[in-house]
Amino acid sequence: MRNDIIKATEEIVSCSDNGQHPLVYISLKTGSGQCQYCSQKFVRISKPETTEKVAA
């Protein structure tokens, strides 16, 4: 079982534990999710706001 949590900005993430188990897709629609094979935990974060201004 893993202790680290992977942060993602996407609503759906994938996990294969570097090819150690079948590729699965995990929905983070509720804010978090966990791989059914390796128990890797994922959490959805909002995209960071950019402070960079675009020239017109």
N, C-alpha and C. Protein backbone atom coordinates (compact mmCIF):
# COMPACT_ATOMS: atom_id res chain seq x y z
N MET A 1 0.83 -1.19 0.00
CA MET A 1 0.00 0.00 0.00
C MET A 1 0.88 1.25 0.00
N ARG A 2 0.50 2.21 -0.81
CA ARG A 2 1.29 3.42 -0.94
C ARG A 2 0.83 4.50 0.02
N ASN A 3 1.77 5.34 0.40
CA ASN A 3 1.45 6.44 1.31
C ASN A 3 1.38 7.78 0.61
N ASP A 4 1.94 7.87 -0.62
CA ASP A 4 1.95 9.14 -1.31
C ASP A 4 0.63 9.38 -2.05
N ILE A 5 0.29 10.65 -2.21
CA ILE A 5 -0.93 11.05 -2.91
C ILE A 5 -0.52 11.86 -4.13
N ILE A 6 -1.06 11.49 -5.28
CA ILE A 6 -0.75 12.20 -6.51
C ILE A 6 -1.81 13.25 -6.75
N LYS A 7 -1.38 14.50 -6.96
CA LYS A 7 -2.28 15.60 -7.22
C LYS A 7 -2.44 15.75 -8.73
N ALA A 8 -3.66 15.96 -9.19
CA ALA A 8 -3.94 16.10 -10.61
C ALA A 8 -4.98 17.19 -10.83
N THR A 9 -4.88 17.85 -11.97
CA THR A 9 -5.87 18.87 -12.32
C THR A 9 -6.96 18.30 -13.21
N GLU A 10 -6.75 17.10 -13.75
CA GLU A 10 -7.73 16.47 -14.62
C GLU A 10 -8.83 15.77 -13.82
N GLU A 11 -9.97 15.56 -14.47
CA GLU A 11 -11.08 14.88 -13.81
C GLU A 11 -10.92 13.36 -13.88
N ILE A 12 -10.17 12.87 -14.87
CA ILE A 12 -9.92 11.44 -15.01
C ILE A 12 -8.42 11.21 -15.12
N VAL A 13 -7.90 10.28 -14.33
CA VAL A 13 -6.48 9.94 -14.35
C VAL A 13 -6.35 8.44 -14.65
N SER A 14 -5.14 8.02 -15.01
CA SER A 14 -4.90 6.60 -15.28
C SER A 14 -3.79 6.10 -14.37
N CYS A 15 -3.80 4.79 -14.14
CA CYS A 15 -2.79 4.17 -13.30
C CYS A 15 -2.48 2.77 -13.84
N SER A 16 -1.19 2.44 -13.90
CA SER A 16 -0.77 1.08 -14.26
C SER A 16 0.40 0.64 -13.38
N ASP A 17 0.79 1.50 -12.43
CA ASP A 17 1.92 1.22 -11.54
C ASP A 17 3.15 0.81 -12.36
N ASN A 18 3.43 1.63 -13.38
CA ASN A 18 4.57 1.40 -14.28
C ASN A 18 4.52 0.01 -14.92
N GLY A 19 3.33 -0.39 -15.36
CA GLY A 19 3.17 -1.66 -16.04
C GLY A 19 3.01 -2.87 -15.13
N GLN A 20 2.88 -2.65 -13.84
CA GLN A 20 2.77 -3.76 -12.89
C GLN A 20 1.36 -4.33 -12.80
N HIS A 21 0.37 -3.60 -13.31
CA HIS A 21 -1.00 -4.10 -13.33
C HIS A 21 -1.71 -3.51 -14.55
N PRO A 22 -2.89 -4.00 -14.90
CA PRO A 22 -3.61 -3.46 -16.06
C PRO A 22 -3.87 -1.96 -15.92
N LEU A 23 -3.88 -1.26 -17.04
CA LEU A 23 -4.17 0.17 -17.04
C LEU A 23 -5.62 0.39 -16.67
N VAL A 24 -5.84 1.24 -15.68
CA VAL A 24 -7.19 1.58 -15.26
C VAL A 24 -7.34 3.10 -15.25
N TYR A 25 -8.56 3.55 -15.46
CA TYR A 25 -8.87 4.98 -15.42
C TYR A 25 -9.68 5.24 -14.16
N ILE A 26 -9.35 6.33 -13.48
CA ILE A 26 -9.96 6.64 -12.20
C ILE A 26 -10.60 8.02 -12.28
N SER A 27 -11.87 8.11 -11.95
CA SER A 27 -12.58 9.38 -11.97
C SER A 27 -12.31 10.14 -10.68
N LEU A 28 -11.95 11.41 -10.84
CA LEU A 28 -11.75 12.28 -9.67
C LEU A 28 -12.88 13.31 -9.58
N LYS A 29 -14.02 12.97 -10.15
CA LYS A 29 -15.16 13.87 -10.16
C LYS A 29 -15.59 14.26 -8.75
N THR A 30 -15.45 13.35 -7.82
CA THR A 30 -15.83 13.63 -6.43
C THR A 30 -14.70 14.32 -5.66
N GLY A 31 -13.54 14.48 -6.30
CA GLY A 31 -12.42 15.15 -5.64
C GLY A 31 -11.24 14.25 -5.36
N SER A 32 -11.50 12.95 -5.27
CA SER A 32 -10.40 12.02 -5.02
C SER A 32 -10.77 10.63 -5.52
N GLY A 33 -9.76 9.77 -5.61
CA GLY A 33 -9.98 8.40 -6.05
C GLY A 33 -8.78 7.54 -5.69
N GLN A 34 -8.94 6.23 -5.87
CA GLN A 34 -7.89 5.29 -5.50
C GLN A 34 -7.87 4.14 -6.49
N CYS A 35 -6.68 3.69 -6.86
CA CYS A 35 -6.52 2.58 -7.78
C CYS A 35 -6.95 1.29 -7.09
N GLN A 36 -7.76 0.50 -7.80
CA GLN A 36 -8.25 -0.76 -7.23
C GLN A 36 -7.18 -1.83 -7.16
N TYR A 37 -6.10 -1.68 -7.93
CA TYR A 37 -5.04 -2.70 -7.93
C TYR A 37 -3.92 -2.39 -6.93
N CYS A 38 -3.38 -1.16 -6.98
CA CYS A 38 -2.20 -0.86 -6.16
C CYS A 38 -2.49 0.11 -5.01
N SER A 39 -3.72 0.56 -4.89
CA SER A 39 -4.16 1.47 -3.82
C SER A 39 -3.53 2.85 -3.89
N GLN A 40 -2.97 3.22 -5.05
CA GLN A 40 -2.44 4.57 -5.23
C GLN A 40 -3.59 5.56 -5.08
N LYS A 41 -3.37 6.62 -4.31
CA LYS A 41 -4.41 7.62 -4.08
C LYS A 41 -4.15 8.83 -4.98
N PHE A 42 -5.25 9.40 -5.48
CA PHE A 42 -5.21 10.58 -6.33
C PHE A 42 -6.18 11.60 -5.76
N VAL A 43 -5.82 12.88 -5.89
CA VAL A 43 -6.69 13.96 -5.45
C VAL A 43 -6.70 15.02 -6.54
N ARG A 44 -7.88 15.56 -6.79
CA ARG A 44 -8.03 16.60 -7.82
C ARG A 44 -7.85 17.97 -7.18
N ILE A 45 -7.01 18.78 -7.83
CA ILE A 45 -6.80 20.16 -7.38
C ILE A 45 -7.22 21.09 -8.50
N SER A 46 -7.56 22.30 -8.15
CA SER A 46 -7.92 23.27 -9.17
C SER A 46 -6.66 23.76 -9.86
N LYS A 47 -6.82 24.19 -11.09
CA LYS A 47 -5.67 24.68 -11.86
C LYS A 47 -5.19 25.98 -11.24
N PRO A 48 -3.88 26.13 -11.08
CA PRO A 48 -3.37 27.36 -10.51
C PRO A 48 -3.63 28.55 -11.45
N GLU A 49 -3.99 29.65 -10.89
CA GLU A 49 -4.22 30.86 -11.67
C GLU A 49 -2.89 31.41 -12.16
N THR A 50 -2.86 31.83 -13.41
CA THR A 50 -1.64 32.43 -13.92
C THR A 50 -1.71 33.93 -13.74
N THR A 51 -0.60 34.50 -13.33
CA THR A 51 -0.55 35.95 -13.13
C THR A 51 0.10 36.64 -14.31
N GLU A 52 0.48 35.85 -15.30
CA GLU A 52 1.12 36.39 -16.48
C GLU A 52 0.09 37.09 -17.36
N LYS A 53 0.41 38.32 -17.80
CA LYS A 53 -0.49 39.07 -18.65
C LYS A 53 -0.11 38.89 -20.10
N VAL A 54 -1.11 38.81 -20.95
CA VAL A 54 -0.88 38.63 -22.37
C VAL A 54 -0.95 40.00 -23.04
N ALA A 55 0.06 40.29 -23.85
CA ALA A 55 0.09 41.57 -24.56
C ALA A 55 -0.97 41.58 -25.66
N ALA A 56 -1.64 42.71 -25.80
CA ALA A 56 -2.69 42.83 -26.82
C ALA A 56 -2.14 43.35 -28.12
